[in-house]
Amino acid sequence: MSRLDQAARRLQSALDRLDRAVVSKAAQGGAVDDDLRAALEGTRRENARLQAAAAQATTRLDAAIGRLRAVLED
């Protein structure tokens, strides 16, 4: 597993925990804190950015592997 994959998994785990905390606090009748909402939204944006970076890295690696295979076959 690459470092990027590990980071994405850790970030997703943190996002899930934060989301559960928001839901739990709201279910207890407490107002959801603006800072908590902002943190959740920031984490979601970071998660999306990391997923896009991972997808781009995967595409580039696949292309490079394809080129290497083509060179080695010739």
N, C-alpha and C. Protein backbone atom coordinates (compact mmCIF):
# COMPACT_ATOMS: atom_id res chain seq x y z
N MET A 1 0.85 -1.17 0.00
CA MET A 1 0.00 0.00 0.00
C MET A 1 0.90 1.24 0.00
N SER A 2 0.60 2.17 -0.88
CA SER A 2 1.44 3.36 -0.99
C SER A 2 1.16 4.32 0.16
N ARG A 3 2.08 5.24 0.34
CA ARG A 3 1.91 6.25 1.39
C ARG A 3 0.67 7.09 1.12
N LEU A 4 0.40 7.36 -0.14
CA LEU A 4 -0.78 8.14 -0.49
C LEU A 4 -2.05 7.38 -0.12
N ASP A 5 -2.07 6.08 -0.39
CA ASP A 5 -3.22 5.26 -0.02
C ASP A 5 -3.41 5.24 1.49
N GLN A 6 -2.30 5.10 2.22
CA GLN A 6 -2.37 5.09 3.67
C GLN A 6 -2.90 6.42 4.20
N ALA A 7 -2.42 7.52 3.63
CA ALA A 7 -2.88 8.84 4.06
C ALA A 7 -4.36 9.02 3.75
N ALA A 8 -4.78 8.55 2.59
CA ALA A 8 -6.20 8.66 2.22
C ALA A 8 -7.07 7.85 3.18
N ARG A 9 -6.61 6.67 3.55
CA ARG A 9 -7.38 5.84 4.49
C ARG A 9 -7.44 6.49 5.87
N ARG A 10 -6.31 7.05 6.33
CA ARG A 10 -6.32 7.73 7.63
C ARG A 10 -7.25 8.93 7.59
N LEU A 11 -7.21 9.67 6.50
CA LEU A 11 -8.07 10.84 6.38
C LEU A 11 -9.54 10.42 6.35
N GLN A 12 -9.86 9.36 5.62
CA GLN A 12 -11.24 8.89 5.57
C GLN A 12 -11.70 8.44 6.95
N SER A 13 -10.82 7.79 7.69
CA SER A 13 -11.15 7.36 9.04
C SER A 13 -11.43 8.56 9.94
N ALA A 14 -10.59 9.59 9.83
CA ALA A 14 -10.79 10.81 10.62
C ALA A 14 -12.09 11.49 10.23
N LEU A 15 -12.38 11.51 8.94
CA LEU A 15 -13.63 12.10 8.46
C LEU A 15 -14.83 11.35 9.01
N ASP A 16 -14.76 10.03 9.02
CA ASP A 16 -15.86 9.22 9.56
C ASP A 16 -16.06 9.50 11.05
N ARG A 17 -14.95 9.59 11.81
CA ARG A 17 -15.06 9.88 13.24
C ARG A 17 -15.67 11.26 13.48
N LEU A 18 -15.23 12.22 12.71
CA LEU A 18 -15.75 13.58 12.84
C LEU A 18 -17.23 13.63 12.49
N ASP A 19 -17.60 12.93 11.45
CA ASP A 19 -19.00 12.89 11.04
C ASP A 19 -19.86 12.26 12.14
N ARG A 20 -19.37 11.17 12.74
CA ARG A 20 -20.12 10.53 13.83
C ARG A 20 -20.25 11.47 15.03
N ALA A 21 -19.21 12.24 15.31
CA ALA A 21 -19.26 13.18 16.42
C ALA A 21 -20.31 14.26 16.18
N VAL A 22 -20.39 14.75 14.95
CA VAL A 22 -21.40 15.77 14.62
C VAL A 22 -22.79 15.19 14.78
N VAL A 23 -23.01 13.99 14.26
CA VAL A 23 -24.33 13.35 14.35
C VAL A 23 -24.69 13.10 15.81
N SER A 24 -23.73 12.62 16.58
CA SER A 24 -23.97 12.33 17.99
C SER A 24 -24.33 13.59 18.76
N LYS A 25 -23.60 14.65 18.51
CA LYS A 25 -23.86 15.91 19.22
C LYS A 25 -25.24 16.45 18.84
N ALA A 26 -25.59 16.37 17.58
CA ALA A 26 -26.90 16.84 17.13
C ALA A 26 -28.01 15.98 17.73
N ALA A 27 -27.79 14.66 17.84
CA ALA A 27 -28.79 13.75 18.38
C ALA A 27 -29.02 14.00 19.87
N GLN A 28 -28.01 14.51 20.55
CA GLN A 28 -28.14 14.80 21.97
C GLN A 28 -28.85 16.12 22.22
N GLY A 29 -29.26 16.77 21.17
CA GLY A 29 -29.99 18.02 21.32
C GLY A 29 -29.10 19.24 21.40
N GLY A 30 -27.81 19.04 21.34
CA GLY A 30 -26.90 20.18 21.40
C GLY A 30 -26.74 20.80 20.02
N ALA A 31 -26.51 22.07 20.01
CA ALA A 31 -26.26 22.75 18.74
C ALA A 31 -24.90 22.32 18.23
N VAL A 32 -24.83 22.06 16.94
CA VAL A 32 -23.56 21.66 16.35
C VAL A 32 -22.68 22.90 16.27
N ASP A 33 -21.52 22.81 16.84
CA ASP A 33 -20.59 23.92 16.89
C ASP A 33 -20.10 24.30 15.50
N ASP A 34 -20.04 25.59 15.24
CA ASP A 34 -19.57 26.07 13.93
C ASP A 34 -18.15 25.61 13.62
N ASP A 35 -17.31 25.57 14.65
CA ASP A 35 -15.93 25.10 14.43
C ASP A 35 -15.91 23.64 14.01
N LEU A 36 -16.79 22.85 14.60
CA LEU A 36 -16.86 21.43 14.25
C LEU A 36 -17.35 21.25 12.82
N ARG A 37 -18.33 22.04 12.44
CA ARG A 37 -18.82 21.99 11.06
C ARG A 37 -17.72 22.39 10.08
N ALA A 38 -17.01 23.44 10.41
CA ALA A 38 -15.93 23.91 9.54
C ALA A 38 -14.84 22.85 9.42
N ALA A 39 -14.51 22.20 10.54
CA ALA A 39 -13.50 21.14 10.52
C ALA A 39 -13.96 19.98 9.66
N LEU A 40 -15.22 19.63 9.78
CA LEU A 40 -15.76 18.53 8.98
C LEU A 40 -15.69 18.87 7.49
N GLU A 41 -16.10 20.07 7.13
CA GLU A 41 -16.07 20.48 5.73
C GLU A 41 -14.64 20.52 5.20
N GLY A 42 -13.72 21.03 6.00
CA GLY A 42 -12.32 21.07 5.59
C GLY A 42 -11.76 19.67 5.38
N THR A 43 -12.12 18.77 6.26
CA THR A 43 -11.66 17.39 6.13
C THR A 43 -12.24 16.73 4.88
N ARG A 44 -13.49 17.03 4.60
CA ARG A 44 -14.11 16.49 3.38
C ARG A 44 -13.40 17.00 2.13
N ARG A 45 -13.07 18.28 2.11
CA ARG A 45 -12.36 18.84 0.95
C ARG A 45 -10.98 18.20 0.80
N GLU A 46 -10.28 18.03 1.92
CA GLU A 46 -8.96 17.41 1.88
C GLU A 46 -9.05 15.97 1.39
N ASN A 47 -10.06 15.26 1.84
CA ASN A 47 -10.27 13.89 1.41
C ASN A 47 -10.49 13.83 -0.10
N ALA A 48 -11.32 14.72 -0.61
CA ALA A 48 -11.58 14.75 -2.05
C ALA A 48 -10.30 15.07 -2.82
N ARG A 49 -9.50 15.99 -2.30
CA ARG A 49 -8.24 16.35 -2.95
C ARG A 49 -7.29 15.16 -2.99
N LEU A 50 -7.18 14.45 -1.88
CA LEU A 50 -6.29 13.29 -1.83
C LEU A 50 -6.78 12.16 -2.74
N GLN A 51 -8.07 11.97 -2.81
CA GLN A 51 -8.59 10.93 -3.70
C GLN A 51 -8.31 11.28 -5.16
N ALA A 52 -8.44 12.55 -5.50
CA ALA A 52 -8.13 12.98 -6.87
C ALA A 52 -6.65 12.79 -7.17
N ALA A 53 -5.80 13.13 -6.20
CA ALA A 53 -4.36 12.96 -6.39
C ALA A 53 -4.00 11.48 -6.55
N ALA A 54 -4.63 10.63 -5.77
CA ALA A 54 -4.37 9.19 -5.87
C ALA A 54 -4.81 8.66 -7.23
N ALA A 55 -5.95 9.12 -7.70
CA ALA A 55 -6.43 8.67 -9.02
C ALA A 55 -5.49 9.14 -10.12
N GLN A 56 -5.02 10.36 -10.01
CA GLN A 56 -4.09 10.89 -11.02
C GLN A 56 -2.77 10.12 -10.99
N ALA A 57 -2.27 9.84 -9.80
CA ALA A 57 -1.03 9.08 -9.68
C ALA A 57 -1.19 7.69 -10.26
N THR A 58 -2.32 7.06 -10.01
CA THR A 58 -2.58 5.73 -10.55
C THR A 58 -2.59 5.76 -12.07
N THR A 59 -3.25 6.76 -12.64
CA THR A 59 -3.31 6.88 -14.10
C THR A 59 -1.93 7.07 -14.69
N ARG A 60 -1.14 7.93 -14.06
CA ARG A 60 0.22 8.18 -14.57
C ARG A 60 1.10 6.93 -14.46
N LEU A 61 0.98 6.23 -13.34
CA LEU A 61 1.77 5.01 -13.17
C LEU A 61 1.37 3.95 -14.18
N ASP A 62 0.08 3.80 -14.41
CA ASP A 62 -0.39 2.83 -15.40
C ASP A 62 0.15 3.17 -16.79
N ALA A 63 0.16 4.45 -17.13
CA ALA A 63 0.68 4.88 -18.44
C ALA A 63 2.17 4.60 -18.53
N ALA A 64 2.91 4.90 -17.47
CA ALA A 64 4.36 4.66 -17.48
C ALA A 64 4.66 3.16 -17.59
N ILE A 65 3.91 2.35 -16.88
CA ILE A 65 4.10 0.90 -16.96
C ILE A 65 3.82 0.41 -18.37
N GLY A 66 2.77 0.93 -18.98
CA GLY A 66 2.45 0.56 -20.36
C GLY A 66 3.56 0.92 -21.33
N ARG A 67 4.14 2.11 -21.16
CA ARG A 67 5.24 2.52 -22.03
C ARG A 67 6.47 1.64 -21.82
N LEU A 68 6.76 1.32 -20.57
CA LEU A 68 7.90 0.45 -20.28
C LEU A 68 7.71 -0.94 -20.89
N ARG A 69 6.52 -1.46 -20.79
CA ARG A 69 6.24 -2.77 -21.38
C ARG A 69 6.42 -2.72 -22.90
N ALA A 70 5.95 -1.65 -23.51
CA ALA A 70 6.07 -1.51 -24.97
C ALA A 70 7.54 -1.45 -25.38
N VAL A 71 8.35 -0.72 -24.62
CA VAL A 71 9.77 -0.62 -24.93
C VAL A 71 10.46 -1.97 -24.75
N LEU A 72 10.12 -2.67 -23.70
CA LEU A 72 10.76 -3.96 -23.43
C LEU A 72 10.36 -5.03 -24.44
N GLU A 73 9.18 -4.91 -25.01
CA GLU A 73 8.73 -5.90 -25.99
C GLU A 73 9.39 -5.69 -27.35
N ASP A 74 9.84 -4.49 -27.63
CA ASP A 74 10.46 -4.21 -28.95
C ASP A 74 11.87 -4.67 -29.03
